[in-house]
Amino acid sequence: MAAREKLILLPGMLCDARLFTPQAEALSRTHDVEIVMIDSADSIEALADHVLERAPERFDLAGLSMGGIVAMAMAGKAPERILRLALLDTNHLADAEGRDKIRNRQIDAVGKGDMRRVVVDEMKPVYLAARNRSDQALLDLLVDMAMDLGPEVFVQQSLALRDRGDQTAALKAYTGPTLILCGEEDMLCPPERHREMAGLMRRAELRLIRDAGHISTLENPHAVNDALSSWLGAAVSPSA
């Protein structure tokens, strides 16, 4: 029996493996699925190096939000190792002008013990599509993941996002099958940004997910699973 392809999933900021629970359950039937945390450094480049160091020689790669940013950096560093690339609810550009002031204020607040308020009041309310904002179980899960990771990870990830570079060149250079996926109601990384990303790439398919915001994997898992399954079936070049 041939060995199954490795699929690496990278969660977003303040999220852990629970972000991909529906995907891991569905895709593990056909792939060797590993969810790799991005909580070991305070720069996107260092996080990309960390994942590449522990990854096999060839693998499929999917990341959501900050995980997608790390995935893009990995594609820029080692495109020949990534058979297929999926970028979910993410952003290929550097942090927006003035965003550093917000991140610095949040870092300061978290350092003073105010993390739960920052997470609950400033971050999570804009994550979900309209119909999901009353889903208390989902809201509680998002807060639980953040609080379980804790203040140190919050600061590391905030610094990495604040100081990140533009990934346009990495997207233009990557030639493997690529899924660009976004919740239709994603206010943090809106559909138009994903259209831009798809337009930069040679083999990109854009999929917009109904009834989903920034946390598409949990808001509409069946639609996301269908899109990922189709992407994983795309042919790769013989050289890969």
Protein backbone atom coordinates (compact mmCIF):
# COMPACT_ATOMS: atom_id res chain seq x y z
CA MET A 1 0.00 0.00 0.00
CA ALA A 2 1.38 3.42 -0.98
CA ALA A 3 2.10 5.87 1.80
CA ARG A 4 -0.54 8.55 2.27
CA GLU A 5 0.33 12.16 1.50
CA LYS A 6 1.04 14.39 4.46
CA LEU A 7 -1.34 17.32 4.95
CA ILE A 8 -0.15 20.04 7.32
CA LEU A 9 -2.74 22.45 8.74
CA LEU A 10 -1.69 25.75 10.34
CA PRO A 11 -4.20 27.44 12.70
CA GLY A 12 -4.74 31.17 12.93
CA MET A 13 -3.83 33.59 15.70
CA LEU A 14 -4.93 32.44 19.16
CA CYS A 15 -6.30 29.19 17.74
CA ASP A 16 -5.19 25.63 18.30
CA ALA A 17 -5.99 22.26 16.73
CA ARG A 18 -9.67 22.68 17.58
CA LEU A 19 -9.94 25.19 14.71
CA PHE A 20 -9.56 22.26 12.32
CA THR A 21 -11.47 19.54 14.14
CA PRO A 22 -14.02 18.96 11.32
CA GLN A 23 -11.31 19.00 8.67
CA ALA A 24 -8.98 16.64 10.53
CA GLU A 25 -11.81 14.17 11.04
CA ALA A 26 -12.86 14.22 7.39
CA LEU A 27 -9.51 14.42 5.64
CA SER A 28 -7.69 11.90 7.82
CA ARG A 29 -9.56 9.20 5.89
CA THR A 30 -7.35 9.88 2.88
CA HIS A 31 -4.36 11.83 4.18
CA ASP A 32 -1.89 11.83 7.03
CA VAL A 33 -3.13 15.00 8.73
CA GLU A 34 -0.97 16.98 11.15
CA ILE A 35 -1.96 20.25 12.79
CA VAL A 36 1.16 22.28 13.59
CA MET A 37 0.98 25.13 16.09
CA ILE A 38 2.57 28.47 15.17
CA ASP A 39 3.48 29.59 18.67
CA SER A 40 7.25 29.14 18.78
CA ALA A 41 8.58 32.52 17.57
CA ASP A 42 7.69 36.19 17.13
CA SER A 43 8.29 36.49 13.39
CA ILE A 44 6.55 34.99 10.38
CA GLU A 45 9.87 33.97 8.83
CA ALA A 46 10.98 32.08 11.95
CA LEU A 47 7.62 30.35 12.21
CA ALA A 48 7.85 29.30 8.56
CA ASP A 49 11.33 27.88 9.17
CA HIS A 50 10.07 25.98 12.21
CA VAL A 51 7.30 24.26 10.26
CA LEU A 52 9.59 23.47 7.33
CA GLU A 53 12.16 21.91 9.65
CA ARG A 54 9.67 19.41 11.00
CA ALA A 55 7.81 18.75 7.74
CA PRO A 56 8.54 15.85 5.36
CA GLU A 57 10.27 16.45 2.02
CA ARG A 58 6.93 16.83 0.16
CA PHE A 59 3.55 17.72 1.64
CA ASP A 60 0.25 19.53 1.15
CA LEU A 61 -0.17 22.71 3.16
CA ALA A 62 -3.22 24.67 4.33
CA GLY A 63 -3.37 27.62 6.70
CA LEU A 64 -6.10 29.90 7.99
CA SER A 65 -5.56 33.58 8.76
CA MET A 66 -2.12 33.88 10.43
CA GLY A 67 -1.59 30.24 9.50
CA GLY A 68 -2.13 31.23 5.88
CA ILE A 69 0.47 33.99 6.20
CA VAL A 70 2.99 31.47 7.53
CA ALA A 71 2.03 29.11 4.70
CA MET A 72 2.74 31.84 2.14
CA ALA A 73 6.15 32.44 3.70
CA MET A 74 6.84 28.71 3.48
CA ALA A 75 5.87 28.72 -0.19
CA GLY A 76 8.29 31.57 -0.75
CA LYS A 77 11.12 29.68 0.96
CA ALA A 78 10.57 26.16 -0.35
CA PRO A 79 7.97 26.06 -3.15
CA GLU A 80 9.33 22.77 -4.50
CA ARG A 81 8.39 21.00 -1.26
CA ILE A 82 4.74 22.07 -1.20
CA LEU A 83 2.64 19.89 -3.49
CA ARG A 84 -0.57 21.89 -3.02
CA LEU A 85 -1.28 25.11 -1.14
CA ALA A 86 -4.56 26.23 0.48
CA LEU A 87 -4.95 29.74 1.88
CA LEU A 88 -8.05 30.30 4.00
CA ASP A 89 -9.36 33.64 5.28
CA THR A 90 -5.96 35.28 5.14
CA ASN A 91 -4.04 38.27 3.80
CA HIS A 92 -0.93 38.42 1.61
CA LEU A 93 -0.12 42.04 2.39
CA ALA A 94 1.93 43.59 5.18
CA ASP A 95 0.03 44.95 8.17
CA ALA A 96 -2.09 47.97 7.27
CA GLU A 97 -0.78 51.43 8.03
CA GLY A 98 -1.65 52.44 11.58
CA ARG A 99 -2.45 48.88 12.61
CA ASP A 100 0.77 48.79 14.63
CA LYS A 101 -0.70 51.27 17.12
CA ILE A 102 -3.66 48.96 17.77
CA ARG A 103 -1.43 45.93 18.15
CA ASN A 104 0.93 47.76 20.51
CA ARG A 105 -1.98 48.90 22.66
CA GLN A 106 -3.35 45.36 22.82
CA ILE A 107 0.08 43.95 23.68
CA ASP A 108 0.34 46.47 26.52
CA ALA A 109 -3.14 45.60 27.80
CA VAL A 110 -2.45 41.87 27.70
CA GLY A 111 0.83 42.42 29.54
CA LYS A 112 -1.18 44.07 32.30
CA GLY A 113 -3.47 41.05 32.67
CA ASP A 114 -6.33 42.25 30.47
CA MET A 115 -6.21 39.49 27.85
CA ARG A 116 -9.74 38.18 28.27
CA ARG A 117 -11.23 41.63 27.74
CA VAL A 118 -9.10 42.21 24.62
CA VAL A 119 -10.12 38.85 23.19
CA VAL A 120 -13.82 39.08 24.05
CA ASP A 121 -14.44 42.76 23.34
CA GLU A 122 -11.99 43.65 20.57
CA MET A 123 -11.26 40.52 18.57
CA LYS A 124 -13.84 37.75 18.60
CA PRO A 125 -16.97 39.87 17.90
CA VAL A 126 -15.82 40.55 14.31
CA TYR A 127 -14.79 36.97 13.56
CA LEU A 128 -18.16 35.41 12.74
CA ALA A 129 -20.85 35.71 10.09
CA ALA A 130 -24.11 37.32 11.19
CA ARG A 131 -25.99 34.07 11.70
CA ASN A 132 -23.20 32.61 13.85
CA ARG A 133 -22.74 35.48 16.30
CA SER A 134 -25.39 34.02 18.59
CA ASP A 135 -23.75 30.58 18.61
CA GLN A 136 -22.58 30.59 22.22
CA ALA A 137 -20.75 27.27 21.96
CA LEU A 138 -18.68 28.58 19.06
CA LEU A 139 -18.02 31.88 20.80
CA ASP A 140 -16.93 30.05 23.95
CA LEU A 141 -14.63 27.80 21.93
CA LEU A 142 -12.89 30.79 20.34
CA VAL A 143 -12.31 32.38 23.73
CA ASP A 144 -11.20 29.09 25.28
CA MET A 145 -8.60 28.53 22.56
CA ALA A 146 -7.22 32.02 23.04
CA MET A 147 -7.07 31.84 26.83
CA ASP A 148 -5.55 28.35 26.76
CA LEU A 149 -2.71 29.66 24.59
CA GLY A 150 -2.23 32.58 26.94
CA PRO A 151 -0.55 36.01 27.06
CA GLU A 152 2.92 34.95 25.91
CA VAL A 153 1.57 33.50 22.66
CA PHE A 154 -0.67 36.53 22.20
CA VAL A 155 2.38 38.81 22.34
CA GLN A 156 4.51 36.61 20.08
CA GLN A 157 1.83 36.31 17.43
CA SER A 158 0.93 39.99 17.59
CA LEU A 159 4.56 40.95 16.99
CA ALA A 160 4.83 38.49 14.10
CA LEU A 161 1.74 39.93 12.44
CA ARG A 162 2.73 43.53 13.13
CA ASP A 163 6.16 43.16 11.56
CA ARG A 164 5.33 40.83 8.68
CA GLY A 165 6.29 41.48 5.08
CA ASP A 166 4.32 41.43 1.84
CA GLN A 167 3.93 37.94 0.33
CA THR A 168 3.01 39.00 -3.21
CA ALA A 169 6.24 37.64 -4.70
CA ALA A 170 5.74 34.25 -3.05
CA LEU A 171 2.24 33.96 -4.50
CA LYS A 172 3.35 34.93 -7.99
CA ALA A 173 6.17 32.38 -7.95
CA TYR A 174 4.23 29.38 -6.63
CA THR A 175 3.00 27.06 -9.41
CA GLY A 176 1.22 24.24 -7.59
CA PRO A 177 -2.57 23.77 -7.29
CA THR A 178 -3.84 26.45 -4.92
CA LEU A 179 -7.14 26.89 -3.12
CA ILE A 180 -8.01 30.45 -2.11
CA LEU A 181 -10.96 30.17 0.29
CA CYS A 182 -12.83 32.83 2.21
CA GLY A 183 -16.04 33.21 4.17
CA GLU A 184 -18.40 35.51 2.29
CA GLU A 185 -18.80 37.60 5.46
CA ASP A 186 -15.15 37.72 6.51
CA MET A 187 -14.64 41.29 7.72
CA LEU A 188 -10.98 40.86 8.69
CA CYS A 189 -9.76 39.39 5.40
CA PRO A 190 -12.60 40.15 2.99
CA PRO A 191 -13.41 38.37 -0.27
CA GLU A 192 -11.92 41.16 -2.37
CA ARG A 193 -8.53 40.52 -0.81
CA HIS A 194 -8.81 36.86 -1.78
CA ARG A 195 -9.72 37.78 -5.34
CA GLU A 196 -6.49 39.77 -5.45
CA MET A 197 -4.54 36.76 -4.18
CA ALA A 198 -6.11 34.40 -6.71
CA GLY A 199 -5.29 36.84 -9.49
CA LEU A 200 -1.59 36.68 -8.60
CA MET A 201 -1.32 32.91 -8.90
CA ARG A 202 -0.98 30.52 -11.81
CA ARG A 203 -3.21 27.67 -10.65
CA ALA A 204 -5.55 29.22 -8.10
CA GLU A 205 -9.21 28.40 -7.51
CA LEU A 206 -11.26 30.91 -5.52
CA ARG A 207 -14.01 29.54 -3.28
CA LEU A 208 -16.31 31.78 -1.23
CA ILE A 209 -18.14 30.08 1.63
CA ARG A 210 -21.72 31.04 2.48
CA ASP A 211 -22.79 31.67 6.08
CA ALA A 212 -19.16 32.03 7.17
CA GLY A 213 -16.95 34.85 8.35
CA HIS A 214 -13.30 34.62 9.38
CA ILE A 215 -13.61 31.20 11.06
CA SER A 216 -14.92 29.37 8.00
CA THR A 217 -13.61 25.96 9.11
CA LEU A 218 -16.00 25.93 12.07
CA GLU A 219 -18.79 28.15 10.73
CA ASN A 220 -19.51 26.06 7.61
CA PRO A 221 -17.30 22.99 7.93
CA HIS A 222 -19.07 20.88 5.31
CA ALA A 223 -18.50 23.46 2.57
CA VAL A 224 -14.88 23.91 3.61
CA ASN A 225 -14.32 20.16 3.69
CA ASP A 226 -15.76 19.81 0.19
CA ALA A 227 -13.45 22.53 -1.11
CA LEU A 228 -10.40 21.01 0.56
CA SER A 229 -11.22 17.53 -0.71
CA SER A 230 -11.48 18.82 -4.28
CA TRP A 231 -8.19 20.72 -3.90
CA LEU A 232 -6.42 17.63 -2.59
CA GLY A 233 -7.52 15.76 -5.69
CA ALA A 234 -5.87 18.25 -8.06
CA ALA A 235 -3.02 16.86 -10.12
CA VAL A 236 0.49 18.07 -9.36
CA SER A 237 3.26 18.39 -11.92
CA PRO A 238 5.53 15.35 -12.37
CA SER A 239 8.51 17.36 -11.13
CA ALA A 240 6.75 17.81 -7.78
